[in-house]
Amino acid sequence: MIFDTDVVIWALGGRPSAAALINRTEQRELSVVSYMELIRGARGRQELRAVESFLAQLDFLLLPLTENIGHRASVYVEEYALKSSLGVPDALIAATAMENNRILCTGNAKHYRVIGDLQLQAFRP
């Protein structure tokens, strides 16, 4: 399962429901886009180390961007950007899930619902 940035942020922030979900998931994956969002959101070296430690301790697999992911994300932006709140990072995360045939666990399901074939697991903290 690929976790969206928001779910990881909630777990890092101490939300028990987010941490429990991540802990009981066998295969924890993260788009490199979410990783960059987490790093960018760190407010100092201590938070940066906490993010890196959290991901390492839970054996998150970082999924890289590929040419196919980039192409699929650009199609999503062309098709859905004017109809929904789908932005570039969300398009890349969704394309990563689709290209890897994974479920995307997110607290922002409304951002992704326009992508009909995307397997979503909505999460409420």
PDB file of N, CA and C in Angstrom:
ATOM      1  N   MET A   1       0.850  -1.173   0.000  1.00  0.00           N
ATOM      2  CA  MET A   1       0.000   0.000   0.000  1.00  0.00           C
ATOM      3  C   MET A   1       0.896   1.236   0.000  1.00  0.00           C
ATOM      4  N   ILE A   2       0.515   2.211  -0.827  1.00  0.00           N
ATOM      5  CA  ILE A   2       1.205   3.495  -0.853  1.00  0.00           C
ATOM      6  C   ILE A   2       0.456   4.443   0.080  1.00  0.00           C
ATOM      7  N   PHE A   3       1.194   5.083   0.944  1.00  0.00           N
ATOM      8  CA  PHE A   3       0.597   6.052   1.859  1.00  0.00           C
ATOM      9  C   PHE A   3       0.789   7.455   1.305  1.00  0.00           C
ATOM     10  N   ASP A   4      -0.278   8.222   1.320  1.00  0.00           N
ATOM     11  CA  ASP A   4      -0.205   9.618   0.921  1.00  0.00           C
ATOM     12  C   ASP A   4       0.489  10.393   2.041  1.00  0.00           C
ATOM     13  N   THR A   5       0.995  11.536   1.699  1.00  0.00           N
ATOM     14  CA  THR A   5       1.762  12.360   2.633  1.00  0.00           C
ATOM     15  C   THR A   5       0.988  12.653   3.912  1.00  0.00           C
ATOM     16  N   ASP A   6      -0.298  12.946   3.788  1.00  0.00           N
ATOM     17  CA  ASP A   6      -1.082  13.333   4.958  1.00  0.00           C
ATOM     18  C   ASP A   6      -1.141  12.238   6.024  1.00  0.00           C
ATOM     19  N   VAL A   7      -1.246  10.992   5.620  1.00  0.00           N
ATOM     20  CA  VAL A   7      -1.339   9.885   6.585  1.00  0.00           C
ATOM     21  C   VAL A   7      -0.031   9.762   7.356  1.00  0.00           C
ATOM     22  N   VAL A   8       1.089   9.905   6.667  1.00  0.00           N
ATOM     23  CA  VAL A   8       2.395   9.827   7.331  1.00  0.00           C
ATOM     24  C   VAL A   8       2.571  11.005   8.284  1.00  0.00           C
ATOM     25  N   ILE A   9       2.127  12.183   7.871  1.00  0.00           N
ATOM     26  CA  ILE A   9       2.216  13.357   8.750  1.00  0.00           C
ATOM     27  C   ILE A   9       1.407  13.133  10.021  1.00  0.00           C
ATOM     28  N   TRP A  10       0.211  12.578   9.891  1.00  0.00           N
ATOM     29  CA  TRP A  10      -0.602  12.307  11.085  1.00  0.00           C
ATOM     30  C   TRP A  10       0.083  11.299  11.998  1.00  0.00           C
ATOM     31  N   ALA A  11       0.682  10.274  11.433  1.00  0.00           N
ATOM     32  CA  ALA A  11       1.397   9.286  12.256  1.00  0.00           C
ATOM     33  C   ALA A  11       2.582   9.933  12.965  1.00  0.00           C
ATOM     34  N   LEU A  12       3.336  10.729  12.237  1.00  0.00           N
ATOM     35  CA  LEU A  12       4.474  11.433  12.839  1.00  0.00           C
ATOM     36  C   LEU A  12       4.022  12.394  13.935  1.00  0.00           C
ATOM     37  N   GLY A  13       2.827  12.958  13.775  1.00  0.00           N
ATOM     38  CA  GLY A  13       2.287  13.896  14.751  1.00  0.00           C
ATOM     39  C   GLY A  13       1.645  13.234  15.960  1.00  0.00           C
ATOM     40  N   GLY A  14       1.664  11.915  15.990  1.00  0.00           N
ATOM     41  CA  GLY A  14       1.159  11.207  17.154  1.00  0.00           C
ATOM     42  C   GLY A  14      -0.281  10.758  17.084  1.00  0.00           C
ATOM     43  N   ARG A  15      -0.901  10.789  15.921  1.00  0.00           N
ATOM     44  CA  ARG A  15      -2.278  10.291  15.794  1.00  0.00           C
ATOM     45  C   ARG A  15      -2.269   8.769  15.855  1.00  0.00           C
ATOM     46  N   PRO A  16      -2.843   8.185  16.909  1.00  0.00           N
ATOM     47  CA  PRO A  16      -2.803   6.732  17.087  1.00  0.00           C
ATOM     48  C   PRO A  16      -3.424   5.951  15.935  1.00  0.00           C
ATOM     49  N   SER A  17      -4.510   6.452  15.357  1.00  0.00           N
ATOM     50  CA  SER A  17      -5.173   5.711  14.283  1.00  0.00           C
ATOM     51  C   SER A  17      -4.287   5.622  13.040  1.00  0.00           C
ATOM     52  N   ALA A  18      -3.566   6.683  12.728  1.00  0.00           N
ATOM     53  CA  ALA A  18      -2.658   6.670  11.573  1.00  0.00           C
ATOM     54  C   ALA A  18      -1.478   5.743  11.841  1.00  0.00           C
ATOM     55  N   ALA A  19      -0.919   5.825  13.034  1.00  0.00           N
ATOM     56  CA  ALA A  19       0.204   4.949  13.383  1.00  0.00           C
ATOM     57  C   ALA A  19      -0.220   3.487  13.370  1.00  0.00           C
ATOM     58  N   ALA A  20      -1.411   3.191  13.875  1.00  0.00           N
ATOM     59  CA  ALA A  20      -1.897   1.808  13.899  1.00  0.00           C
ATOM     60  C   ALA A  20      -2.086   1.267  12.489  1.00  0.00           C
ATOM     61  N   LEU A  21      -2.647   2.075  11.613  1.00  0.00           N
ATOM     62  CA  LEU A  21      -2.840   1.642  10.233  1.00  0.00           C
ATOM     63  C   LEU A  21      -1.500   1.330   9.571  1.00  0.00           C
ATOM     64  N   ILE A  22      -0.550   2.219   9.729  1.00  0.00           N
ATOM     65  CA  ILE A  22       0.772   1.997   9.138  1.00  0.00           C
ATOM     66  C   ILE A  22       1.420   0.757   9.746  1.00  0.00           C
ATOM     67  N   ASN A  23       1.333   0.598  11.044  1.00  0.00           N
ATOM     68  CA  ASN A  23       1.950  -0.548  11.712  1.00  0.00           C
ATOM     69  C   ASN A  23       1.367  -1.881  11.268  1.00  0.00           C
ATOM     70  N   ARG A  24       0.079  -1.929  10.988  1.00  0.00           N
ATOM     71  CA  ARG A  24      -0.529  -3.211  10.619  1.00  0.00           C
ATOM     72  C   ARG A  24      -0.461  -3.500   9.110  1.00  0.00           C
ATOM     73  N   THR A  25       0.105  -2.591   8.361  1.00  0.00           N
ATOM     74  CA  THR A  25       0.265  -2.789   6.918  1.00  0.00           C
ATOM     75  C   THR A  25       1.607  -3.454   6.664  1.00  0.00           C
ATOM     76  N   GLU A  26       1.584  -4.573   5.953  1.00  0.00           N
ATOM     77  CA  GLU A  26       2.820  -5.318   5.715  1.00  0.00           C
ATOM     78  C   GLU A  26       3.772  -4.596   4.778  1.00  0.00           C
ATOM     79  N   GLN A  27       3.270  -4.179   3.641  1.00  0.00           N
ATOM     80  CA  GLN A  27       4.122  -3.551   2.638  1.00  0.00           C
ATOM     81  C   GLN A  27       3.857  -2.056   2.637  1.00  0.00           C
ATOM     82  N   ARG A  28       4.771  -1.298   3.242  1.00  0.00           N
ATOM     83  CA  ARG A  28       4.620   0.151   3.360  1.00  0.00           C
ATOM     84  C   ARG A  28       5.429   0.821   2.257  1.00  0.00           C
ATOM     85  N   GLU A  29       4.722   1.600   1.448  1.00  0.00           N
ATOM     86  CA  GLU A  29       5.389   2.270   0.344  1.00  0.00           C
ATOM     87  C   GLU A  29       5.042   3.753   0.342  1.00  0.00           C
ATOM     88  N   LEU A  30       5.937   4.510  -0.270  1.00  0.00           N
ATOM     89  CA  LEU A  30       5.789   5.955  -0.314  1.00  0.00           C
ATOM     90  C   LEU A  30       6.336   6.438  -1.650  1.00  0.00           C
ATOM     91  N   SER A  31       5.557   7.264  -2.329  1.00  0.00           N
ATOM     92  CA  SER A  31       6.057   7.892  -3.544  1.00  0.00           C
ATOM     93  C   SER A  31       7.194   8.834  -3.167  1.00  0.00           C
ATOM     94  N   VAL A  32       8.177   8.935  -4.032  1.00  0.00           N
ATOM     95  CA  VAL A  32       9.264   9.872  -3.777  1.00  0.00           C
ATOM     96  C   VAL A  32       8.727  11.300  -3.691  1.00  0.00           C
ATOM     97  N   VAL A  33       7.579  11.571  -4.306  1.00  0.00           N
ATOM     98  CA  VAL A  33       6.956  12.891  -4.203  1.00  0.00           C
ATOM     99  C   VAL A  33       6.522  13.142  -2.758  1.00  0.00           C
ATOM    100  N   SER A  34       5.889  12.157  -2.130  1.00  0.00           N
ATOM    101  CA  SER A  34       5.505  12.303  -0.717  1.00  0.00           C
ATOM    102  C   SER A  34       6.742  12.465   0.163  1.00  0.00           C
ATOM    103  N   TYR A  35       7.779  11.719  -0.146  1.00  0.00           N
ATOM    104  CA  TYR A  35       9.023  11.849   0.614  1.00  0.00           C
ATOM    105  C   TYR A  35       9.538  13.289   0.534  1.00  0.00           C
ATOM    106  N   MET A  36       9.538  13.847  -0.661  1.00  0.00           N
ATOM    107  CA  MET A  36      10.006  15.229  -0.824  1.00  0.00           C
ATOM    108  C   MET A  36       9.107  16.204  -0.071  1.00  0.00           C
ATOM    109  N   GLU A  37       7.786  15.955  -0.073  1.00  0.00           N
ATOM    110  CA  GLU A  37       6.875  16.823   0.676  1.00  0.00           C
ATOM    111  C   GLU A  37       7.160  16.743   2.170  1.00  0.00           C
ATOM    112  N   LEU A  38       7.452  15.547   2.664  1.00  0.00           N
ATOM    113  CA  LEU A  38       7.773  15.384   4.085  1.00  0.00           C
ATOM    114  C   LEU A  38       9.065  16.112   4.444  1.00  0.00           C
ATOM    115  N   ILE A  39      10.072  15.973   3.596  1.00  0.00           N
ATOM    116  CA  ILE A  39      11.349  16.642   3.843  1.00  0.00           C
ATOM    117  C   ILE A  39      11.171  18.159   3.783  1.00  0.00           C
ATOM    118  N   ARG A  40      10.432  18.606   2.796  1.00  0.00           N
ATOM    119  CA  ARG A  40      10.197  20.047   2.625  1.00  0.00           C
ATOM    120  C   ARG A  40       9.428  20.641   3.802  1.00  0.00           C
ATOM    121  N   GLY A  41       8.574  19.836   4.413  1.00  0.00           N
ATOM    122  CA  GLY A  41       7.775  20.306   5.531  1.00  0.00           C
ATOM    123  C   GLY A  41       8.490  20.303   6.867  1.00  0.00           C
ATOM    124  N   ALA A  42       9.666  19.683   6.930  1.00  0.00           N
ATOM    125  CA  ALA A  42      10.422  19.651   8.183  1.00  0.00           C
ATOM    126  C   ALA A  42      10.845  21.064   8.557  1.00  0.00           C
ATOM    127  N   ARG A  43      10.674  21.393   9.831  1.00  0.00           N
ATOM    128  CA  ARG A  43      10.977  22.755  10.294  1.00  0.00           C
ATOM    129  C   ARG A  43      12.351  22.873  10.934  1.00  0.00           C
ATOM    130  N   GLY A  44      13.196  21.922  10.653  1.00  0.00           N
ATOM    131  CA  GLY A  44      14.550  21.966  11.205  1.00  0.00           C
ATOM    132  C   GLY A  44      15.182  20.586  11.109  1.00  0.00           C
ATOM    133  N   ARG A  45      16.450  20.525  11.492  1.00  0.00           N
ATOM    134  CA  ARG A  45      17.186  19.255  11.398  1.00  0.00           C
ATOM    135  C   ARG A  45      16.577  18.148  12.267  1.00  0.00           C
ATOM    136  N   GLN A  46      16.083  18.519  13.434  1.00  0.00           N
ATOM    137  CA  GLN A  46      15.501  17.520  14.324  1.00  0.00           C
ATOM    138  C   GLN A  46      14.267  16.875  13.684  1.00  0.00           C
ATOM    139  N   GLU A  47      13.393  17.654  13.098  1.00  0.00           N
ATOM    140  CA  GLU A  47      12.219  17.096  12.414  1.00  0.00           C
ATOM    141  C   GLU A  47      12.628  16.298  11.188  1.00  0.00           C
ATOM    142  N   LEU A  48      13.631  16.767  10.471  1.00  0.00           N
ATOM    143  CA  LEU A  48      14.120  16.029   9.310  1.00  0.00           C
ATOM    144  C   LEU A  48      14.625  14.651   9.731  1.00  0.00           C
ATOM    145  N   ARG A  49      15.399  14.601  10.805  1.00  0.00           N
ATOM    146  CA  ARG A  49      15.894  13.309  11.313  1.00  0.00           C
ATOM    147  C   ARG A  49      14.749  12.420  11.786  1.00  0.00           C
ATOM    148  N   ALA A  50      13.726  13.023  12.398  1.00  0.00           N
ATOM    149  CA  ALA A  50      12.576  12.250  12.865  1.00  0.00           C
ATOM    150  C   ALA A  50      11.841  11.610  11.689  1.00  0.00           C
ATOM    151  N   VAL A  51      11.671  12.342  10.594  1.00  0.00           N
ATOM    152  CA  VAL A  51      11.025  11.799   9.395  1.00  0.00           C
ATOM    153  C   VAL A  51      11.844  10.647   8.839  1.00  0.00           C
ATOM    154  N   GLU A  52      13.135  10.873   8.663  1.00  0.00           N
ATOM    155  CA  GLU A  52      14.004   9.838   8.099  1.00  0.00           C
ATOM    156  C   GLU A  52      14.043   8.600   8.989  1.00  0.00           C
ATOM    157  N   SER A  53      14.109   8.798  10.293  1.00  0.00           N
ATOM    158  CA  SER A  53      14.129   7.683  11.235  1.00  0.00           C
ATOM    159  C   SER A  53      12.819   6.898  11.199  1.00  0.00           C
ATOM    160  N   PHE A  54      11.712   7.607  11.179  1.00  0.00           N
ATOM    161  CA  PHE A  54      10.388   6.981  11.120  1.00  0.00           C
ATOM    162  C   PHE A  54      10.272   6.092   9.894  1.00  0.00           C
ATOM    163  N   LEU A  55      10.635   6.620   8.734  1.00  0.00           N
ATOM    164  CA  LEU A  55      10.532   5.850   7.490  1.00  0.00           C
ATOM    165  C   LEU A  55      11.468   4.655   7.484  1.00  0.00           C
ATOM    166  N   ALA A  56      12.664   4.823   8.029  1.00  0.00           N
ATOM    167  CA  ALA A  56      13.633   3.725   8.075  1.00  0.00           C
ATOM    168  C   ALA A  56      13.193   2.635   9.049  1.00  0.00           C
ATOM    169  N   GLN A  57      12.739   3.021  10.239  1.00  0.00           N
ATOM    170  CA  GLN A  57      12.319   2.043  11.246  1.00  0.00           C
ATOM    171  C   GLN A  57      11.152   1.197  10.770  1.00  0.00           C
ATOM    172  N   LEU A  58      10.270   1.780   9.958  1.00  0.00           N
ATOM    173  CA  LEU A  58       9.100   1.050   9.485  1.00  0.00           C
ATOM    174  C   LEU A  58       9.313   0.434   8.101  1.00  0.00           C
ATOM    175  N   ASP A  59      10.546   0.482   7.624  1.00  0.00           N
ATOM    176  CA  ASP A  59      10.919  -0.139   6.344  1.00  0.00           C
ATOM    177  C   ASP A  59      10.064   0.329   5.175  1.00  0.00           C
ATOM    178  N   PHE A  60       9.805   1.619   5.104  1.00  0.00           N
ATOM    179  CA  PHE A  60       9.090   2.163   3.952  1.00  0.00           C
ATOM    180  C   PHE A  60       9.950   1.996   2.713  1.00  0.00           C
ATOM    181  N   LEU A  61       9.343   1.562   1.640  1.00  0.00           N
ATOM    182  CA  LEU A  61       9.999   1.485   0.345  1.00  0.00           C
ATOM    183  C   LEU A  61       9.637   2.745  -0.425  1.00  0.00           C
ATOM    184  N   LEU A  62      10.648   3.499  -0.868  1.00  0.00           N
ATOM    185  CA  LEU A  62      10.413   4.706  -1.655  1.00  0.00           C
ATOM    186  C   LEU A  62      10.305   4.321  -3.122  1.00  0.00           C
ATOM    187  N   LEU A  63       9.201   4.698  -3.733  1.00  0.00           N
ATOM    188  CA  LEU A  63       8.970   4.385  -5.143  1.00  0.00           C
ATOM    189  C   LEU A  63       9.380   5.576  -5.991  1.00  0.00           C
ATOM    190  N   PRO A  64      10.331   5.374  -6.905  1.00  0.00           N
ATOM    191  CA  PRO A  64      10.844   6.489  -7.706  1.00  0.00           C
ATOM    192  C   PRO A  64       9.891   6.887  -8.822  1.00  0.00           C
ATOM    193  N   LEU A  65      10.152   8.057  -9.366  1.00  0.00           N
ATOM    194  CA  LEU A  65       9.440   8.488 -10.560  1.00  0.00           C
ATOM    195  C   LEU A  65      10.055   7.787 -11.769  1.00  0.00           C
ATOM    196  N   THR A  66       9.213   7.433 -12.704  1.00  0.00           N
ATOM    197  CA  THR A  66       9.671   6.817 -13.948  1.00  0.00           C
ATOM    198  C   THR A  66       9.080   7.606 -15.111  1.00  0.00           C
ATOM    199  N   GLU A  67       9.532   7.283 -16.294  1.00  0.00           N
ATOM    200  CA  GLU A  67       8.975   7.933 -17.475  1.00  0.00           C
ATOM    201  C   GLU A  67       7.478   7.656 -17.583  1.00  0.00           C
ATOM    202  N   ASN A  68       7.064   6.419 -17.317  1.00  0.00           N
ATOM    203  CA  ASN A  68       5.639   6.071 -17.384  1.00  0.00           C
ATOM    204  C   ASN A  68       4.819   6.829 -16.352  1.00  0.00           C
ATOM    205  N   ILE A  69       5.357   6.984 -15.154  1.00  0.00           N
ATOM    206  CA  ILE A  69       4.648   7.738 -14.114  1.00  0.00           C
ATOM    207  C   ILE A  69       4.502   9.190 -14.543  1.00  0.00           C
ATOM    208  N   GLY A  70       5.549   9.770 -15.072  1.00  0.00           N
ATOM    209  CA  GLY A  70       5.484  11.150 -15.545  1.00  0.00           C
ATOM    210  C   GLY A  70       4.460  11.327 -16.653  1.00  0.00           C
ATOM    211  N   HIS A  71       4.439  10.393 -17.589  1.00  0.00           N
ATOM    212  CA  HIS A  71       3.473  10.482 -18.684  1.00  0.00           C
ATOM    213  C   HIS A  71       2.048  10.355 -18.156  1.00  0.00           C
ATOM    214  N   ARG A  72       1.807   9.358 -17.302  1.00  0.00           N
ATOM    215  CA  ARG A  72       0.462   9.145 -16.762  1.00  0.00           C
ATOM    216  C   ARG A  72       0.013  10.358 -15.953  1.00  0.00           C
ATOM    217  N   ALA A  73       0.906  10.925 -15.150  1.00  0.00           N
ATOM    218  CA  ALA A  73       0.560  12.101 -14.347  1.00  0.00           C
ATOM    219  C   ALA A  73       0.213  13.283 -15.242  1.00  0.00           C
ATOM    220  N   SER A  74       0.934  13.452 -16.339  1.00  0.00           N
ATOM    221  CA  SER A  74       0.623  14.573 -17.238  1.00  0.00           C
ATOM    222  C   SER A  74      -0.745  14.391 -17.885  1.00  0.00           C
ATOM    223  N   VAL A  75      -1.113  13.149 -18.190  1.00  0.00           N
ATOM    224  CA  VAL A  75      -2.451  12.877 -18.720  1.00  0.00           C
ATOM    225  C   VAL A  75      -3.506  13.224 -17.674  1.00  0.00           C
ATOM    226  N   TYR A  76      -3.253  12.852 -16.415  1.00  0.00           N
ATOM    227  CA  TYR A  76      -4.200  13.181 -15.341  1.00  0.00           C
ATOM    228  C   TYR A  76      -4.370  14.688 -15.202  1.00  0.00           C
ATOM    229  N   VAL A  77      -3.284  15.427 -15.257  1.00  0.00           N
ATOM    230  CA  VAL A  77      -3.372  16.881 -15.121  1.00  0.00           C
ATOM    231  C   VAL A  77      -4.156  17.465 -16.289  1.00  0.00           C
ATOM    232  N   GLU A  78      -3.851  17.001 -17.502  1.00  0.00           N
ATOM    233  CA  GLU A  78      -4.574  17.495 -18.677  1.00  0.00           C
ATOM    234  C   GLU A  78      -6.071  17.207 -18.575  1.00  0.00           C
ATOM    235  N   GLU A  79      -6.390  16.006 -18.090  1.00  0.00           N
ATOM    236  CA  GLU A  79      -7.784  15.577 -18.071  1.00  0.00           C
ATOM    237  C   GLU A  79      -8.583  16.121 -16.890  1.00  0.00           C
ATOM    238  N   TYR A  80      -7.954  16.250 -15.733  1.00  0.00           N
ATOM    239  CA  TYR A  80      -8.715  16.513 -14.513  1.00  0.00           C
ATOM    240  C   TYR A  80      -8.421  17.833 -13.800  1.00  0.00           C
ATOM    241  N   ALA A  81      -7.364  18.532 -14.146  1.00  0.00           N
ATOM    242  CA  ALA A  81      -6.976  19.718 -13.371  1.00  0.00           C
ATOM    243  C   ALA A  81      -8.057  20.800 -13.358  1.00  0.00           C
ATOM    244  N   LEU A  82      -8.765  20.966 -14.447  1.00  0.00           N
ATOM    245  CA  LEU A  82      -9.792  22.000 -14.486  1.00  0.00           C
ATOM    246  C   LEU A  82     -11.100  21.561 -13.838  1.00  0.00           C
ATOM    247  N   LYS A  83     -11.290  20.247 -13.676  1.00  0.00           N
ATOM    248  CA  LYS A  83     -12.535  19.712 -13.117  1.00  0.00           C
ATOM    249  C   LYS A  83     -12.456  19.441 -11.622  1.00  0.00           C
ATOM    250  N   SER A  84     -11.250  19.388 -11.074  1.00  0.00           N
ATOM    251  CA  SER A  84     -11.105  18.974  -9.682  1.00  0.00           C
ATOM    252  C   SER A  84      -9.939  19.704  -9.029  1.00  0.00           C
ATOM    253  N   SER A  85      -9.641  19.314  -7.796  1.00  0.00           N
ATOM    254  CA  SER A  85      -8.527  19.918  -7.076  1.00  0.00           C
ATOM    255  C   SER A  85      -7.242  19.105  -7.230  1.00  0.00           C
ATOM    256  N   LEU A  86      -7.169  18.278  -8.269  1.00  0.00           N
ATOM    257  CA  LEU A  86      -5.976  17.465  -8.503  1.00  0.00           C
ATOM    258  C   LEU A  86      -4.816  18.350  -8.941  1.00  0.00           C
ATOM    259  N   GLY A  87      -3.774  18.408  -8.118  1.00  0.00           N
ATOM    260  CA  GLY A  87      -2.578  19.181  -8.437  1.00  0.00           C
ATOM    261  C   GLY A  87      -1.469  18.275  -8.943  1.00  0.00           C
ATOM    262  N   VAL A  88      -0.360  18.866  -9.297  1.00  0.00           N
ATOM    263  CA  VAL A  88       0.767  18.110  -9.848  1.00  0.00           C
ATOM    264  C   VAL A  88       1.286  17.053  -8.866  1.00  0.00           C
ATOM    265  N   PRO A  89       1.550  17.395  -7.590  1.00  0.00           N
ATOM    266  CA  PRO A  89       2.028  16.351  -6.681  1.00  0.00           C
ATOM    267  C   PRO A  89       1.032  15.189  -6.554  1.00  0.00           C
ATOM    268  N   ASP A  90      -0.261  15.506  -6.437  1.00  0.00           N
ATOM    269  CA  ASP A  90      -1.268  14.445  -6.327  1.00  0.00           C
ATOM    270  C   ASP A  90      -1.329  13.612  -7.601  1.00  0.00           C
ATOM    271  N   ALA A  91      -1.177  14.244  -8.755  1.00  0.00           N
ATOM    272  CA  ALA A  91      -1.175  13.500 -10.017  1.00  0.00           C
ATOM    273  C   ALA A  91       0.005  12.542 -10.069  1.00  0.00           C
ATOM    274  N   LEU A  92       1.163  12.976  -9.602  1.00  0.00           N
ATOM    275  CA  LEU A  92       2.344  12.109  -9.580  1.00  0.00           C
ATOM    276  C   LEU A  92       2.184  10.963  -8.584  1.00  0.00           C
ATOM    277  N   ILE A  93       1.596  11.237  -7.435  1.00  0.00           N
ATOM    278  CA  ILE A  93       1.370  10.192  -6.427  1.00  0.00           C
ATOM    279  C   ILE A  93       0.356   9.175  -6.953  1.00  0.00           C
ATOM    280  N   ALA A  94      -0.716   9.652  -7.556  1.00  0.00           N
ATOM    281  CA  ALA A  94      -1.725   8.751  -8.130  1.00  0.00           C
ATOM    282  C   ALA A  94      -1.120   7.909  -9.246  1.00  0.00           C
ATOM    283  N   ALA A  95      -0.337   8.524 -10.107  1.00  0.00           N
ATOM    284  CA  ALA A  95       0.299   7.792 -11.202  1.00  0.00           C
ATOM    285  C   ALA A  95       1.261   6.742 -10.667  1.00  0.00           C
ATOM    286  N   THR A  96       1.940   7.044  -9.575  1.00  0.00           N
ATOM    287  CA  THR A  96       2.840   6.063  -8.951  1.00  0.00           C
ATOM    288  C   THR A  96       2.044   4.858  -8.466  1.00  0.00           C
ATOM    289  N   ALA A  97       0.899   5.107  -7.839  1.00  0.00           N
ATOM    290  CA  ALA A  97       0.046   4.005  -7.376  1.00  0.00           C
ATOM    291  C   ALA A  97      -0.454   3.176  -8.562  1.00  0.00           C
ATOM    292  N   MET A  98      -0.906   3.845  -9.593  1.00  0.00           N
ATOM    293  CA  MET A  98      -1.437   3.131 -10.764  1.00  0.00           C
ATOM    294  C   MET A  98      -0.353   2.318 -11.459  1.00  0.00           C
ATOM    295  N   GLU A  99       0.806   2.903 -11.672  1.00  0.00           N
ATOM    296  CA  GLU A  99       1.884   2.206 -12.378  1.00  0.00           C
ATOM    297  C   GLU A  99       2.430   1.022 -11.584  1.00  0.00           C
ATOM    298  N   ASN A 100       2.304   1.070 -10.262  1.00  0.00           N
ATOM    299  CA  ASN A 100       2.780  -0.028  -9.412  1.00  0.00           C
ATOM    300  C   ASN A 100       1.650  -0.944  -8.969  1.00  0.00           C
ATOM    301  N   ASN A 101       0.428  -0.694  -9.485  1.00  0.00           N
ATOM    302  CA  ASN A 101      -0.749  -1.492  -9.140  1.00  0.00           C
ATOM    303  C   ASN A 101      -0.931  -1.613  -7.628  1.00  0.00           C
ATOM    304  N   ARG A 102      -0.951  -0.460  -6.972  1.00  0.00           N
ATOM    305  CA  ARG A 102      -1.077  -0.407  -5.519  1.00  0.00           C
ATOM    306  C   ARG A 102      -2.307   0.397  -5.122  1.00  0.00           C
ATOM    307  N   ILE A 103      -2.757   0.139  -3.908  1.00  0.00           N
ATOM    308  CA  ILE A 103      -3.806   0.933  -3.284  1.00  0.00           C
ATOM    309  C   ILE A 103      -3.151   2.187  -2.723  1.00  0.00           C
ATOM    310  N   LEU A 104      -3.823   3.315  -2.862  1.00  0.00           N
ATOM    311  CA  LEU A 104      -3.353   4.569  -2.286  1.00  0.00           C
ATOM    312  C   LEU A 104      -4.204   4.883  -1.066  1.00  0.00           C
ATOM    313  N   CYS A 105      -3.565   4.958   0.083  1.00  0.00           N
ATOM    314  CA  CYS A 105      -4.246   5.305   1.330  1.00  0.00           C
ATOM    315  C   CYS A 105      -4.067   6.799   1.563  1.00  0.00           C
ATOM    316  N   THR A 106      -5.186   7.516   1.643  1.00  0.00           N
ATOM    317  CA  THR A 106      -5.129   8.969   1.750  1.00  0.00           C
ATOM    318  C   THR A 106      -6.267   9.523   2.596  1.00  0.00           C
ATOM    319  N   GLY A 107      -6.012  10.639   3.203  1.00  0.00           N
ATOM    320  CA  GLY A 107      -7.054  11.392   3.883  1.00  0.00           C
ATOM    321  C   GLY A 107      -7.709  12.403   2.957  1.00  0.00           C
ATOM    322  N   ASN A 108      -7.204  12.509   1.746  1.00  0.00           N
ATOM    323  CA  ASN A 108      -7.725  13.455   0.758  1.00  0.00           C
ATOM    324  C   ASN A 108      -8.327  12.725  -0.429  1.00  0.00           C
ATOM    325  N   ALA A 109      -9.201  11.784  -0.182  1.00  0.00           N
ATOM    326  CA  ALA A 109      -9.779  10.975  -1.265  1.00  0.00           C
ATOM    327  C   ALA A 109     -10.453  11.846  -2.318  1.00  0.00           C
ATOM    328  N   LYS A 110     -11.014  12.980  -1.912  1.00  0.00           N
ATOM    329  CA  LYS A 110     -11.701  13.839  -2.886  1.00  0.00           C
ATOM    330  C   LYS A 110     -10.747  14.341  -3.964  1.00  0.00           C
ATOM    331  N   HIS A 111      -9.470  14.491  -3.644  1.00  0.00           N
ATOM    332  CA  HIS A 111      -8.502  14.925  -4.647  1.00  0.00           C
ATOM    333  C   HIS A 111      -8.320  13.875  -5.738  1.00  0.00           C
ATOM    334  N   TYR A 112      -8.516  12.621  -5.377  1.00  0.00           N
ATOM    335  CA  TYR A 112      -8.181  11.516  -6.272  1.00  0.00           C
ATOM    336  C   TYR A 112      -9.387  10.833  -6.911  1.00  0.00           C
ATOM    337  N   ARG A 113     -10.572  11.074  -6.427  1.00  0.00           N
ATOM    338  CA  ARG A 113     -11.763  10.347  -6.903  1.00  0.00           C
ATOM    339  C   ARG A 113     -12.034  10.495  -8.389  1.00  0.00           C
ATOM    340  N   VAL A 114     -11.552  11.554  -8.991  1.00  0.00           N
ATOM    341  CA  VAL A 114     -11.786  11.760 -10.427  1.00  0.00           C
ATOM    342  C   VAL A 114     -11.073  10.705 -11.270  1.00  0.00           C
ATOM    343  N   ILE A 115     -10.071  10.052 -10.696  1.00  0.00           N
ATOM    344  CA  ILE A 115      -9.315   9.023 -11.407  1.00  0.00           C
ATOM    345  C   ILE A 115     -10.008   7.689 -11.142  1.00  0.00           C
ATOM    346  N   GLY A 116     -10.866   7.303 -12.058  1.00  0.00           N
ATOM    347  CA  GLY A 116     -11.757   6.168 -11.852  1.00  0.00           C
ATOM    348  C   GLY A 116     -11.108   4.841 -11.534  1.00  0.00           C
ATOM    349  N   ASP A 117      -9.983   4.524 -12.155  1.00  0.00           N
ATOM    350  CA  ASP A 117      -9.354   3.212 -11.952  1.00  0.00           C
ATOM    351  C   ASP A 117      -8.440   3.158 -10.741  1.00  0.00           C
ATOM    352  N   LEU A 118      -8.190   4.273 -10.116  1.00  0.00           N
ATOM    353  CA  LEU A 118      -7.287   4.317  -8.965  1.00  0.00           C
ATOM    354  C   LEU A 118      -7.931   3.627  -7.768  1.00  0.00           C
ATOM    355  N   GLN A 119      -7.203   2.692  -7.165  1.00  0.00           N
ATOM    356  CA  GLN A 119      -7.683   2.005  -5.967  1.00  0.00           C
ATOM    357  C   GLN A 119      -7.369   2.888  -4.756  1.00  0.00           C
ATOM    358  N   LEU A 120      -8.410   3.339  -4.084  1.00  0.00           N
ATOM    359  CA  LEU A 120      -8.247   4.230  -2.939  1.00  0.00           C
ATOM    360  C   LEU A 120      -8.693   3.569  -1.647  1.00  0.00           C
ATOM    361  N   GLN A 121      -7.980   3.874  -0.589  1.00  0.00           N
ATOM    362  CA  GLN A 121      -8.439   3.563   0.755  1.00  0.00           C
ATOM    363  C   GLN A 121      -8.500   4.891   1.474  1.00  0.00           C
ATOM    364  N   ALA A 122      -9.712   5.360   1.711  1.00  0.00           N
ATOM    365  CA  ALA A 122      -9.882   6.636   2.415  1.00  0.00           C
ATOM    366  C   ALA A 122      -9.548   6.438   3.882  1.00  0.00           C
ATOM    367  N   PHE A 123      -8.854   7.413   4.460  1.00  0.00           N
ATOM    368  CA  PHE A 123      -8.468   7.347   5.859  1.00  0.00           C
ATOM    369  C   PHE A 123      -8.983   8.584   6.571  1.00  0.00           C
ATOM    370  N   ARG A 124      -9.558   8.370   7.726  1.00  0.00           N
ATOM    371  CA  ARG A 124     -10.011   9.471   8.593  1.00  0.00           C
ATOM    372  C   ARG A 124      -9.252   9.343   9.918  1.00  0.00           C
ATOM    373  N   PRO A 125      -8.535  10.390  10.291  1.00  0.00           N
ATOM    374  CA  PRO A 125      -7.762  10.306  11.545  1.00  0.00           C
ATOM    375  C   PRO A 125      -8.639  10.329  12.785  1.00  0.00           C
TER     376      PRO A 125
END
